[in-house]
């Protein structure tokens, strides 16, 4: 039987995979937001990142997110109720 986590992230589109990687790199986007939007828990995001990044980049990312309070909703300080700065996203031309 196939592992549902492996199967779920293997079936993602290139655009979804790219967005998940972008969200995982963002400091204020919690893993719970990725799980809510894409159905991937933290361990699945880690596997996706490992399989889509160079080893050095993966190690840098893991060092960056390990212990970061903003990556987990339960560890966030009170008052932070958004995943990004309102000025973070600029309009994209099509």
Protein backbone atom coordinates (compact mmCIF):
# COMPACT_ATOMS: atom_id res chain seq x y z
CA UNK A 1 0.00 0.00 0.00
CA UNK A 2 1.31 3.45 -0.93
CA UNK A 3 2.13 5.97 1.75
CA UNK A 4 -0.69 8.60 1.61
CA UNK A 5 1.71 11.45 2.41
CA UNK A 6 4.07 10.51 -0.43
CA UNK A 7 1.13 10.00 -2.76
CA UNK A 8 -0.48 13.32 -1.85
CA UNK A 9 2.57 15.48 -2.51
CA UNK A 10 3.58 13.47 -5.58
CA UNK A 11 0.23 14.35 -7.18
CA UNK A 12 0.62 18.12 -6.75
CA UNK A 13 0.89 20.37 -9.79
CA UNK A 14 4.12 22.22 -10.46
CA UNK A 15 2.40 25.47 -9.43
CA UNK A 16 1.14 23.99 -6.13
CA UNK A 17 4.55 22.52 -5.35
CA UNK A 18 6.18 25.88 -6.04
CA UNK A 19 3.65 27.68 -3.81
CA UNK A 20 4.16 25.19 -0.96
CA UNK A 21 7.93 25.67 -1.17
CA UNK A 22 7.42 29.44 -1.13
CA UNK A 23 5.11 29.20 1.89
CA UNK A 24 7.54 26.90 3.70
CA UNK A 25 10.35 29.47 3.26
CA UNK A 26 8.15 32.31 4.56
CA UNK A 27 8.83 33.03 8.22
CA UNK A 28 5.26 33.89 9.18
CA UNK A 29 3.41 31.17 7.30
CA UNK A 30 2.73 28.32 9.75
CA UNK A 31 2.78 24.68 8.74
CA UNK A 32 -0.89 24.56 9.75
CA UNK A 33 -1.73 27.00 6.94
CA UNK A 34 -0.03 24.73 4.40
CA UNK A 35 -1.92 21.76 5.83
CA UNK A 36 -5.21 23.66 5.65
CA UNK A 37 -4.68 24.71 2.02
CA UNK A 38 -2.94 21.64 0.59
CA UNK A 39 -3.54 18.81 3.06
CA UNK A 40 0.16 18.29 3.81
CA UNK A 41 1.24 18.07 7.44
CA UNK A 42 4.66 19.27 8.63
CA UNK A 43 6.40 15.95 7.96
CA UNK A 44 4.99 15.84 4.42
CA UNK A 45 6.20 19.41 3.80
CA UNK A 46 9.66 18.39 5.03
CA UNK A 47 9.67 15.41 2.64
CA UNK A 48 8.50 17.63 -0.23
CA UNK A 49 11.21 20.17 0.54
CA UNK A 50 13.88 17.46 0.77
CA UNK A 51 12.87 16.00 -2.60
CA UNK A 52 12.68 19.36 -4.40
CA UNK A 53 15.74 21.17 -3.06
CA UNK A 54 19.48 20.76 -3.27
CA UNK A 55 20.90 19.17 -0.09
CA UNK A 56 22.59 22.40 1.01
CA UNK A 57 19.44 24.46 0.48
CA UNK A 58 17.41 21.91 2.41
CA UNK A 59 19.84 22.06 5.33
CA UNK A 60 19.66 25.87 5.35
CA UNK A 61 15.86 25.76 5.31
CA UNK A 62 15.71 23.18 8.12
CA UNK A 63 18.10 25.25 10.24
CA UNK A 64 15.96 28.30 9.57
CA UNK A 65 12.58 26.78 10.51
CA UNK A 66 13.69 24.54 13.38
CA UNK A 67 12.47 26.09 16.59
CA UNK A 68 10.96 29.12 14.83
CA UNK A 69 7.90 30.11 16.80
CA UNK A 70 6.10 31.66 13.85
CA UNK A 71 6.06 28.36 11.93
CA UNK A 72 3.62 26.79 14.43
CA UNK A 73 0.33 28.39 15.44
CA UNK A 74 0.52 27.05 19.00
CA UNK A 75 3.95 28.64 19.55
CA UNK A 76 3.09 32.06 18.11
CA UNK A 77 2.82 35.04 20.41
CA UNK A 78 -0.69 36.34 20.92
CA UNK A 79 -1.72 39.07 18.55
CA UNK A 80 -0.22 37.55 15.41
CA UNK A 81 -3.24 36.38 13.48
CA UNK A 82 -1.98 36.62 9.91
CA UNK A 83 0.53 34.66 7.89
CA UNK A 84 2.18 37.56 6.12
CA UNK A 85 2.77 41.28 6.15
CA UNK A 86 -0.01 43.18 4.32
CA UNK A 87 2.58 44.77 2.01
CA UNK A 88 4.40 41.50 1.27
CA UNK A 89 2.51 40.54 -1.88
CA UNK A 90 2.73 42.83 -4.85
CA UNK A 91 0.23 42.66 -7.71
CA UNK A 92 1.40 40.25 -10.34
CA UNK A 93 0.90 41.01 -14.02
CA UNK A 94 -0.55 38.26 -16.17
